[in-house]
Amino acid sequence: MEELAGRNVGVDGGDDDDAPTLSSQALAALQEFLLEQNQNQNESPADQSEVALVTEDWRLSQFWYDRETAEAVANEVLALCSGTPSRVACIACPTLCAYLKRIDPCVSVQLLEYDKRFEQYGSDFTFYDYNKPEELPTEMKHAYQVIVADPPYLSGECLEKVAQTISFLSQSNAYLLLLTGEVQKDRAAELLGLHPCIFRPKHSSKLGNEFRLFTNYDPGTRLGGWEQEK
């Protein structure tokens, strides 16, 4: 659309011979743009490929998942919930919470997050400070069958405290999914009995650290399955 910049197309008044005209290339571009705008207006929210989120705050170590990652993990969570009413807890992973709600608005999901901008989620939001791992409403204790956690920092201390929160939230035999750096592989196994999956999570912002998805159950053919020990 650069060709149209700074031009008064269709200005009232003046002779027809002086009226600016569009080249065939610019006209085709304009028509394509208007068609796309019309299609976007006709799409329902569920048809949109991206979910709108607040801007990442790097001071809070926020890095949102890309669409492929968010959809893959959301579909995995929904597969775990299939056939039985399950409550889902998302610890510091608002991207996942948003995609879960987009795919299945009826899913029971609670976001535990430090960033109070997510208070817009209403009753689906609970303020959470990982430094106070069990300072949560008593009704949340042992109330969740599926728990997904994405600790904000790649430190052993942060993972240990998030593990305490997971223990506080989880029912017996709960499904656990952890998204964190490759460097936490041994600690994830030691603290929570988790194994890495072949599926590799990615973020919209390109990060230098290799991230992994760990689970306490064998996903079978989903998520590429567990990575085999070498």
C-alpha atoms as a PDB file:
ATOM      1  CA  MET A   1       0.000   0.000   0.000  1.00  0.00           C
ATOM      2  CA  GLU A   2       3.045   2.333  -0.050  1.00  0.00           C
ATOM      3  CA  GLU A   3       2.032   3.618  -3.443  1.00  0.00           C
ATOM      4  CA  LEU A   4      -1.033   5.278  -1.880  1.00  0.00           C
ATOM      5  CA  ALA A   5       0.898   7.141   0.812  1.00  0.00           C
ATOM      6  CA  GLY A   6       0.445  10.913   0.806  1.00  0.00           C
ATOM      7  CA  ARG A   7      -2.122  10.899  -2.001  1.00  0.00           C
ATOM      8  CA  ASN A   8      -5.681  12.261  -1.839  1.00  0.00           C
ATOM      9  CA  VAL A   9      -7.584   9.581  -3.695  1.00  0.00           C
ATOM     10  CA  GLY A  10     -11.086  10.630  -4.680  1.00  0.00           C
ATOM     11  CA  VAL A  11     -10.829  14.284  -3.525  1.00  0.00           C
ATOM     12  CA  ASP A  12     -14.052  16.218  -4.086  1.00  0.00           C
ATOM     13  CA  GLY A  13     -13.942  19.115  -6.587  1.00  0.00           C
ATOM     14  CA  GLY A  14     -11.599  19.867  -9.484  1.00  0.00           C
ATOM     15  CA  ASP A  15     -11.746  18.671 -13.048  1.00  0.00           C
ATOM     16  CA  ASP A  16     -12.042  14.951 -13.694  1.00  0.00           C
ATOM     17  CA  ASP A  17      -8.866  15.135 -15.766  1.00  0.00           C
ATOM     18  CA  ASP A  18      -6.939  16.343 -12.715  1.00  0.00           C
ATOM     19  CA  ALA A  19      -8.274  13.673 -10.347  1.00  0.00           C
ATOM     20  CA  PRO A  20      -5.525  11.287  -9.225  1.00  0.00           C
ATOM     21  CA  THR A  21      -5.808   7.749 -10.523  1.00  0.00           C
ATOM     22  CA  LEU A  22      -4.434   4.437  -9.313  1.00  0.00           C
ATOM     23  CA  SER A  23      -2.192   2.195 -11.322  1.00  0.00           C
ATOM     24  CA  SER A  24      -3.527  -1.292 -12.008  1.00  0.00           C
ATOM     25  CA  GLN A  25      -0.985  -2.703  -9.530  1.00  0.00           C
ATOM     26  CA  ALA A  26      -2.058  -0.320  -6.756  1.00  0.00           C
ATOM     27  CA  LEU A  27      -5.726  -0.962  -7.485  1.00  0.00           C
ATOM     28  CA  ALA A  28      -5.174  -4.726  -7.201  1.00  0.00           C
ATOM     29  CA  ALA A  29      -3.358  -4.227  -3.898  1.00  0.00           C
ATOM     30  CA  LEU A  30      -6.177  -2.071  -2.582  1.00  0.00           C
ATOM     31  CA  GLN A  31      -8.802  -4.614  -3.583  1.00  0.00           C
ATOM     32  CA  GLU A  32      -6.828  -7.403  -1.883  1.00  0.00           C
ATOM     33  CA  PHE A  33      -6.519  -5.332   1.287  1.00  0.00           C
ATOM     34  CA  LEU A  34     -10.265  -4.597   1.390  1.00  0.00           C
ATOM     35  CA  LEU A  35     -11.059  -8.285   0.811  1.00  0.00           C
ATOM     36  CA  GLU A  36      -8.838  -9.308   3.727  1.00  0.00           C
ATOM     37  CA  GLN A  37     -10.439  -6.691   5.971  1.00  0.00           C
ATOM     38  CA  ASN A  38     -13.907  -7.972   5.095  1.00  0.00           C
ATOM     39  CA  GLN A  39     -12.892 -11.581   5.787  1.00  0.00           C
ATOM     40  CA  ASN A  40     -11.414 -10.643   9.175  1.00  0.00           C
ATOM     41  CA  GLN A  41     -14.612  -8.843  10.153  1.00  0.00           C
ATOM     42  CA  ASN A  42     -16.662 -11.927   9.293  1.00  0.00           C
ATOM     43  CA  GLU A  43     -14.508 -14.307  11.332  1.00  0.00           C
ATOM     44  CA  SER A  44     -15.651 -15.380  14.756  1.00  0.00           C
ATOM     45  CA  PRO A  45     -13.126 -15.158  17.625  1.00  0.00           C
ATOM     46  CA  ALA A  46     -12.614 -18.936  17.452  1.00  0.00           C
ATOM     47  CA  ASP A  47     -11.455 -18.578  13.836  1.00  0.00           C
ATOM     48  CA  GLN A  48      -8.647 -16.169  14.633  1.00  0.00           C
ATOM     49  CA  SER A  49      -5.213 -17.800  14.417  1.00  0.00           C
ATOM     50  CA  GLU A  50      -3.766 -15.709  17.225  1.00  0.00           C
ATOM     51  CA  VAL A  51      -5.046 -14.940  20.710  1.00  0.00           C
ATOM     52  CA  ALA A  52      -4.593 -11.362  21.883  1.00  0.00           C
ATOM     53  CA  LEU A  53      -2.552 -10.969  25.052  1.00  0.00           C
ATOM     54  CA  VAL A  54      -1.168  -8.044  26.989  1.00  0.00           C
ATOM     55  CA  THR A  55       2.331  -6.965  26.012  1.00  0.00           C
ATOM     56  CA  GLU A  56       5.156  -9.062  27.434  1.00  0.00           C
ATOM     57  CA  ASP A  57       6.898  -7.455  30.422  1.00  0.00           C
ATOM     58  CA  TRP A  58      10.480  -8.663  30.310  1.00  0.00           C
ATOM     59  CA  ARG A  59      11.042  -7.269  33.822  1.00  0.00           C
ATOM     60  CA  LEU A  60       8.691 -10.042  34.969  1.00  0.00           C
ATOM     61  CA  SER A  61      10.457 -12.571  32.726  1.00  0.00           C
ATOM     62  CA  GLN A  62       7.382 -12.843  30.499  1.00  0.00           C
ATOM     63  CA  PHE A  63       7.760 -14.558  27.143  1.00  0.00           C
ATOM     64  CA  TRP A  64       4.559 -15.732  25.493  1.00  0.00           C
ATOM     65  CA  TYR A  65       4.395 -19.042  23.592  1.00  0.00           C
ATOM     66  CA  ASP A  66       4.019 -18.982  19.847  1.00  0.00           C
ATOM     67  CA  ARG A  67       0.699 -20.148  18.406  1.00  0.00           C
ATOM     68  CA  GLU A  68       1.876 -23.690  17.576  1.00  0.00           C
ATOM     69  CA  THR A  69       3.109 -24.276  21.117  1.00  0.00           C
ATOM     70  CA  ALA A  70       0.041 -22.776  22.786  1.00  0.00           C
ATOM     71  CA  GLU A  71      -2.351 -24.815  20.639  1.00  0.00           C
ATOM     72  CA  ALA A  72      -0.379 -28.061  21.072  1.00  0.00           C
ATOM     73  CA  VAL A  73      -0.274 -27.783  24.872  1.00  0.00           C
ATOM     74  CA  ALA A  74      -3.895 -26.599  25.081  1.00  0.00           C
ATOM     75  CA  ASN A  75      -5.071 -29.563  23.005  1.00  0.00           C
ATOM     76  CA  GLU A  76      -3.046 -31.905  25.212  1.00  0.00           C
ATOM     77  CA  VAL A  77      -4.693 -30.483  28.328  1.00  0.00           C
ATOM     78  CA  LEU A  78      -8.139 -30.845  26.766  1.00  0.00           C
ATOM     79  CA  ALA A  79      -7.334 -34.447  25.829  1.00  0.00           C
ATOM     80  CA  LEU A  80      -6.500 -35.130  29.484  1.00  0.00           C
ATOM     81  CA  CYS A  81      -9.820 -33.556  30.532  1.00  0.00           C
ATOM     82  CA  SER A  82     -11.855 -35.499  27.961  1.00  0.00           C
ATOM     83  CA  GLY A  83     -14.622 -37.638  29.395  1.00  0.00           C
ATOM     84  CA  THR A  84     -14.312 -36.415  32.962  1.00  0.00           C
ATOM     85  CA  PRO A  85     -14.941 -33.038  34.623  1.00  0.00           C
ATOM     86  CA  SER A  86     -11.475 -31.726  35.461  1.00  0.00           C
ATOM     87  CA  ARG A  87     -10.194 -28.497  36.910  1.00  0.00           C
ATOM     88  CA  VAL A  88      -7.046 -27.086  35.325  1.00  0.00           C
ATOM     89  CA  ALA A  89      -4.480 -24.831  37.020  1.00  0.00           C
ATOM     90  CA  CYS A  90      -2.122 -22.748  34.881  1.00  0.00           C
ATOM     91  CA  ILE A  91       0.826 -21.486  36.921  1.00  0.00           C
ATOM     92  CA  ALA A  92       2.448 -18.447  35.285  1.00  0.00           C
ATOM     93  CA  CYS A  93       1.386 -19.428  31.746  1.00  0.00           C
ATOM     94  CA  PRO A  94      -1.312 -16.961  30.635  1.00  0.00           C
ATOM     95  CA  THR A  95      -0.817 -17.827  26.962  1.00  0.00           C
ATOM     96  CA  LEU A  96      -2.028 -21.354  27.626  1.00  0.00           C
ATOM     97  CA  CYS A  97      -4.968 -20.136  29.680  1.00  0.00           C
ATOM     98  CA  ALA A  98      -6.072 -17.844  26.838  1.00  0.00           C
ATOM     99  CA  TYR A  99      -5.844 -20.592  24.203  1.00  0.00           C
ATOM    100  CA  LEU A 100      -7.677 -23.087  26.403  1.00  0.00           C
ATOM    101  CA  LYS A 101     -10.561 -20.654  26.751  1.00  0.00           C
ATOM    102  CA  ARG A 102     -10.558 -19.936  23.032  1.00  0.00           C
ATOM    103  CA  ILE A 103     -10.664 -23.606  22.054  1.00  0.00           C
ATOM    104  CA  ASP A 104     -13.135 -24.656  24.761  1.00  0.00           C
ATOM    105  CA  PRO A 105     -14.860 -21.766  26.572  1.00  0.00           C
ATOM    106  CA  CYS A 106     -16.409 -24.253  29.019  1.00  0.00           C
ATOM    107  CA  VAL A 107     -13.116 -25.593  30.373  1.00  0.00           C
ATOM    108  CA  SER A 108     -12.582 -24.954  34.089  1.00  0.00           C
ATOM    109  CA  VAL A 109      -9.186 -23.234  34.216  1.00  0.00           C
ATOM    110  CA  GLN A 110      -7.559 -21.067  36.872  1.00  0.00           C
ATOM    111  CA  LEU A 111      -4.633 -18.773  36.095  1.00  0.00           C
ATOM    112  CA  LEU A 112      -2.126 -18.234  38.904  1.00  0.00           C
ATOM    113  CA  GLU A 113      -0.122 -15.171  37.910  1.00  0.00           C
ATOM    114  CA  TYR A 114       1.867 -12.338  39.500  1.00  0.00           C
ATOM    115  CA  ASP A 115       0.950  -9.770  36.840  1.00  0.00           C
ATOM    116  CA  LYS A 116      -2.269  -8.102  37.962  1.00  0.00           C
ATOM    117  CA  ARG A 117      -3.074  -7.013  34.411  1.00  0.00           C
ATOM    118  CA  PHE A 118      -4.638 -10.472  34.146  1.00  0.00           C
ATOM    119  CA  GLU A 119      -7.268  -9.516  36.688  1.00  0.00           C
ATOM    120  CA  GLN A 120      -9.307  -8.908  33.537  1.00  0.00           C
ATOM    121  CA  TYR A 121      -9.880 -12.702  33.606  1.00  0.00           C
ATOM    122  CA  GLY A 122     -12.137 -12.148  36.602  1.00  0.00           C
ATOM    123  CA  SER A 123     -12.744 -15.189  38.787  1.00  0.00           C
ATOM    124  CA  ASP A 124     -10.396 -17.248  36.574  1.00  0.00           C
ATOM    125  CA  PHE A 125      -7.444 -15.228  37.951  1.00  0.00           C
ATOM    126  CA  THR A 126      -5.631 -15.736  41.249  1.00  0.00           C
ATOM    127  CA  PHE A 127      -2.706 -13.553  42.286  1.00  0.00           C
ATOM    128  CA  TYR A 128       0.384 -15.709  42.745  1.00  0.00           C
ATOM    129  CA  ASP A 129       3.884 -14.948  44.024  1.00  0.00           C
ATOM    130  CA  TYR A 130       6.185 -17.939  43.640  1.00  0.00           C
ATOM    131  CA  ASN A 131       8.153 -16.711  46.666  1.00  0.00           C
ATOM    132  CA  LYS A 132       5.060 -17.564  48.731  1.00  0.00           C
ATOM    133  CA  PRO A 133       4.276 -20.951  47.175  1.00  0.00           C
ATOM    134  CA  GLU A 134       1.358 -21.944  49.402  1.00  0.00           C
ATOM    135  CA  GLU A 135      -0.135 -18.516  50.070  1.00  0.00           C
ATOM    136  CA  LEU A 136      -3.260 -19.338  48.102  1.00  0.00           C
ATOM    137  CA  PRO A 137      -6.995 -19.674  48.879  1.00  0.00           C
ATOM    138  CA  THR A 138      -7.696 -22.798  50.918  1.00  0.00           C
ATOM    139  CA  GLU A 139     -10.371 -23.929  48.455  1.00  0.00           C
ATOM    140  CA  MET A 140      -7.617 -24.435  45.868  1.00  0.00           C
ATOM    141  CA  LYS A 141      -5.793 -27.020  47.967  1.00  0.00           C
ATOM    142  CA  HIS A 142      -5.754 -30.444  46.254  1.00  0.00           C
ATOM    143  CA  ALA A 143      -8.480 -29.225  43.874  1.00  0.00           C
ATOM    144  CA  TYR A 144      -6.866 -29.688  40.442  1.00  0.00           C
ATOM    145  CA  GLN A 145      -6.556 -32.739  38.233  1.00  0.00           C
ATOM    146  CA  VAL A 146      -4.395 -31.075  35.555  1.00  0.00           C
ATOM    147  CA  ILE A 147      -1.620 -28.625  36.419  1.00  0.00           C
ATOM    148  CA  VAL A 148       0.581 -26.809  33.932  1.00  0.00           C
ATOM    149  CA  ALA A 149       3.470 -24.720  35.236  1.00  0.00           C
ATOM    150  CA  ASP A 150       5.950 -22.407  33.586  1.00  0.00           C
ATOM    151  CA  PRO A 151       8.266 -21.064  36.315  1.00  0.00           C
ATOM    152  CA  PRO A 152       9.261 -17.462  35.567  1.00  0.00           C
ATOM    153  CA  TYR A 153      12.955 -18.044  36.225  1.00  0.00           C
ATOM    154  CA  LEU A 154      15.409 -20.783  35.245  1.00  0.00           C
ATOM    155  CA  SER A 155      16.759 -21.308  38.733  1.00  0.00           C
ATOM    156  CA  GLY A 156      16.669 -24.295  41.022  1.00  0.00           C
ATOM    157  CA  GLU A 157      15.219 -22.124  43.789  1.00  0.00           C
ATOM    158  CA  CYS A 158      12.309 -20.977  41.613  1.00  0.00           C
ATOM    159  CA  LEU A 159      11.514 -24.525  40.480  1.00  0.00           C
ATOM    160  CA  GLU A 160      11.594 -25.805  44.048  1.00  0.00           C
ATOM    161  CA  LYS A 161       9.020 -23.219  45.153  1.00  0.00           C
ATOM    162  CA  VAL A 162       6.794 -23.838  42.131  1.00  0.00           C
ATOM    163  CA  ALA A 163       6.984 -27.554  42.954  1.00  0.00           C
ATOM    164  CA  GLN A 164       5.597 -26.725  46.407  1.00  0.00           C
ATOM    165  CA  THR A 165       2.708 -24.893  44.749  1.00  0.00           C
ATOM    166  CA  ILE A 166       2.052 -27.894  42.489  1.00  0.00           C
ATOM    167  CA  SER A 167       1.960 -30.152  45.545  1.00  0.00           C
ATOM    168  CA  PHE A 168      -0.501 -27.763  47.206  1.00  0.00           C
ATOM    169  CA  LEU A 169      -2.822 -27.679  44.183  1.00  0.00           C
ATOM    170  CA  SER A 170      -2.734 -31.233  42.894  1.00  0.00           C
ATOM    171  CA  GLN A 171      -5.172 -34.029  43.542  1.00  0.00           C
ATOM    172  CA  SER A 172      -3.787 -37.526  43.906  1.00  0.00           C
ATOM    173  CA  ASN A 173      -2.701 -38.884  40.518  1.00  0.00           C
ATOM    174  CA  ALA A 174      -2.931 -35.412  38.940  1.00  0.00           C
ATOM    175  CA  TYR A 175      -1.463 -34.842  35.489  1.00  0.00           C
ATOM    176  CA  LEU A 176       1.534 -32.516  35.639  1.00  0.00           C
ATOM    177  CA  LEU A 177       3.042 -30.581  32.727  1.00  0.00           C
ATOM    178  CA  LEU A 178       6.086 -28.368  33.183  1.00  0.00           C
ATOM    179  CA  LEU A 179       7.491 -25.981  30.581  1.00  0.00           C
ATOM    180  CA  THR A 180      10.967 -24.805  31.468  1.00  0.00           C
ATOM    181  CA  GLY A 181      14.555 -24.796  30.307  1.00  0.00           C
ATOM    182  CA  GLU A 182      16.546 -27.881  29.340  1.00  0.00           C
ATOM    183  CA  VAL A 183      18.887 -26.994  32.222  1.00  0.00           C
ATOM    184  CA  GLN A 184      16.144 -27.987  34.678  1.00  0.00           C
ATOM    185  CA  LYS A 185      15.847 -31.545  33.368  1.00  0.00           C
ATOM    186  CA  ASP A 186      17.478 -33.270  36.335  1.00  0.00           C
ATOM    187  CA  ARG A 187      15.734 -31.082  38.905  1.00  0.00           C
ATOM    188  CA  ALA A 188      12.340 -31.679  37.259  1.00  0.00           C
ATOM    189  CA  ALA A 189      12.911 -35.430  37.541  1.00  0.00           C
ATOM    190  CA  GLU A 190      14.122 -35.194  41.132  1.00  0.00           C
ATOM    191  CA  LEU A 191      11.420 -32.858  42.464  1.00  0.00           C
ATOM    192  CA  LEU A 192       8.372 -33.984  40.487  1.00  0.00           C
ATOM    193  CA  GLY A 193       9.229 -37.246  38.715  1.00  0.00           C
ATOM    194  CA  LEU A 194       8.900 -35.650  35.281  1.00  0.00           C
ATOM    195  CA  HIS A 195      10.217 -36.848  31.921  1.00  0.00           C
ATOM    196  CA  PRO A 196      10.949 -34.753  28.808  1.00  0.00           C
ATOM    197  CA  CYS A 197       8.719 -35.027  25.747  1.00  0.00           C
ATOM    198  CA  ILE A 198       9.994 -34.876  22.187  1.00  0.00           C
ATOM    199  CA  PHE A 199       7.808 -31.830  21.467  1.00  0.00           C
ATOM    200  CA  ARG A 200       9.814 -28.623  21.872  1.00  0.00           C
ATOM    201  CA  PRO A 201       7.954 -25.518  23.067  1.00  0.00           C
ATOM    202  CA  LYS A 202       8.795 -22.219  21.401  1.00  0.00           C
ATOM    203  CA  HIS A 203       8.099 -18.583  22.151  1.00  0.00           C
ATOM    204  CA  SER A 204       7.068 -15.617  20.060  1.00  0.00           C
ATOM    205  CA  SER A 205      10.278 -13.902  21.149  1.00  0.00           C
ATOM    206  CA  LYS A 206      13.314 -15.935  20.151  1.00  0.00           C
ATOM    207  CA  LEU A 207      15.050 -17.038  23.332  1.00  0.00           C
ATOM    208  CA  GLY A 208      18.596 -18.289  23.629  1.00  0.00           C
ATOM    209  CA  ASN A 209      17.731 -21.020  26.147  1.00  0.00           C
ATOM    210  CA  GLU A 210      16.460 -24.388  24.948  1.00  0.00           C
ATOM    211  CA  PHE A 211      13.008 -25.067  26.420  1.00  0.00           C
ATOM    212  CA  ARG A 212      11.406 -28.433  27.070  1.00  0.00           C
ATOM    213  CA  LEU A 213       8.030 -29.839  28.029  1.00  0.00           C
ATOM    214  CA  PHE A 214       8.102 -32.341  30.896  1.00  0.00           C
ATOM    215  CA  THR A 215       5.239 -34.571  32.084  1.00  0.00           C
ATOM    216  CA  ASN A 216       4.620 -37.094  34.874  1.00  0.00           C
ATOM    217  CA  TYR A 217       2.659 -39.376  32.510  1.00  0.00           C
ATOM    218  CA  ASP A 218       3.446 -40.985  29.169  1.00  0.00           C
ATOM    219  CA  PRO A 219       1.530 -39.011  26.498  1.00  0.00           C
ATOM    220  CA  GLY A 220       1.846 -41.897  24.038  1.00  0.00           C
ATOM    221  CA  THR A 221       1.761 -40.596  20.489  1.00  0.00           C
ATOM    222  CA  ARG A 222       0.837 -37.074  21.595  1.00  0.00           C
ATOM    223  CA  LEU A 223       3.552 -34.443  21.979  1.00  0.00           C
ATOM    224  CA  GLY A 224       5.906 -36.859  20.235  1.00  0.00           C
ATOM    225  CA  GLY A 225       5.828 -39.108  23.306  1.00  0.00           C
ATOM    226  CA  TRP A 226       8.523 -39.269  25.958  1.00  0.00           C
ATOM    227  CA  GLU A 227      12.080 -38.812  24.800  1.00  0.00           C
ATOM    228  CA  GLN A 228      13.954 -42.097  25.112  1.00  0.00           C
ATOM    229  CA  GLU A 229      16.900 -42.131  27.477  1.00  0.00           C
ATOM    230  CA  LYS A 230      20.225 -42.380  25.663  1.00  0.00           C
END
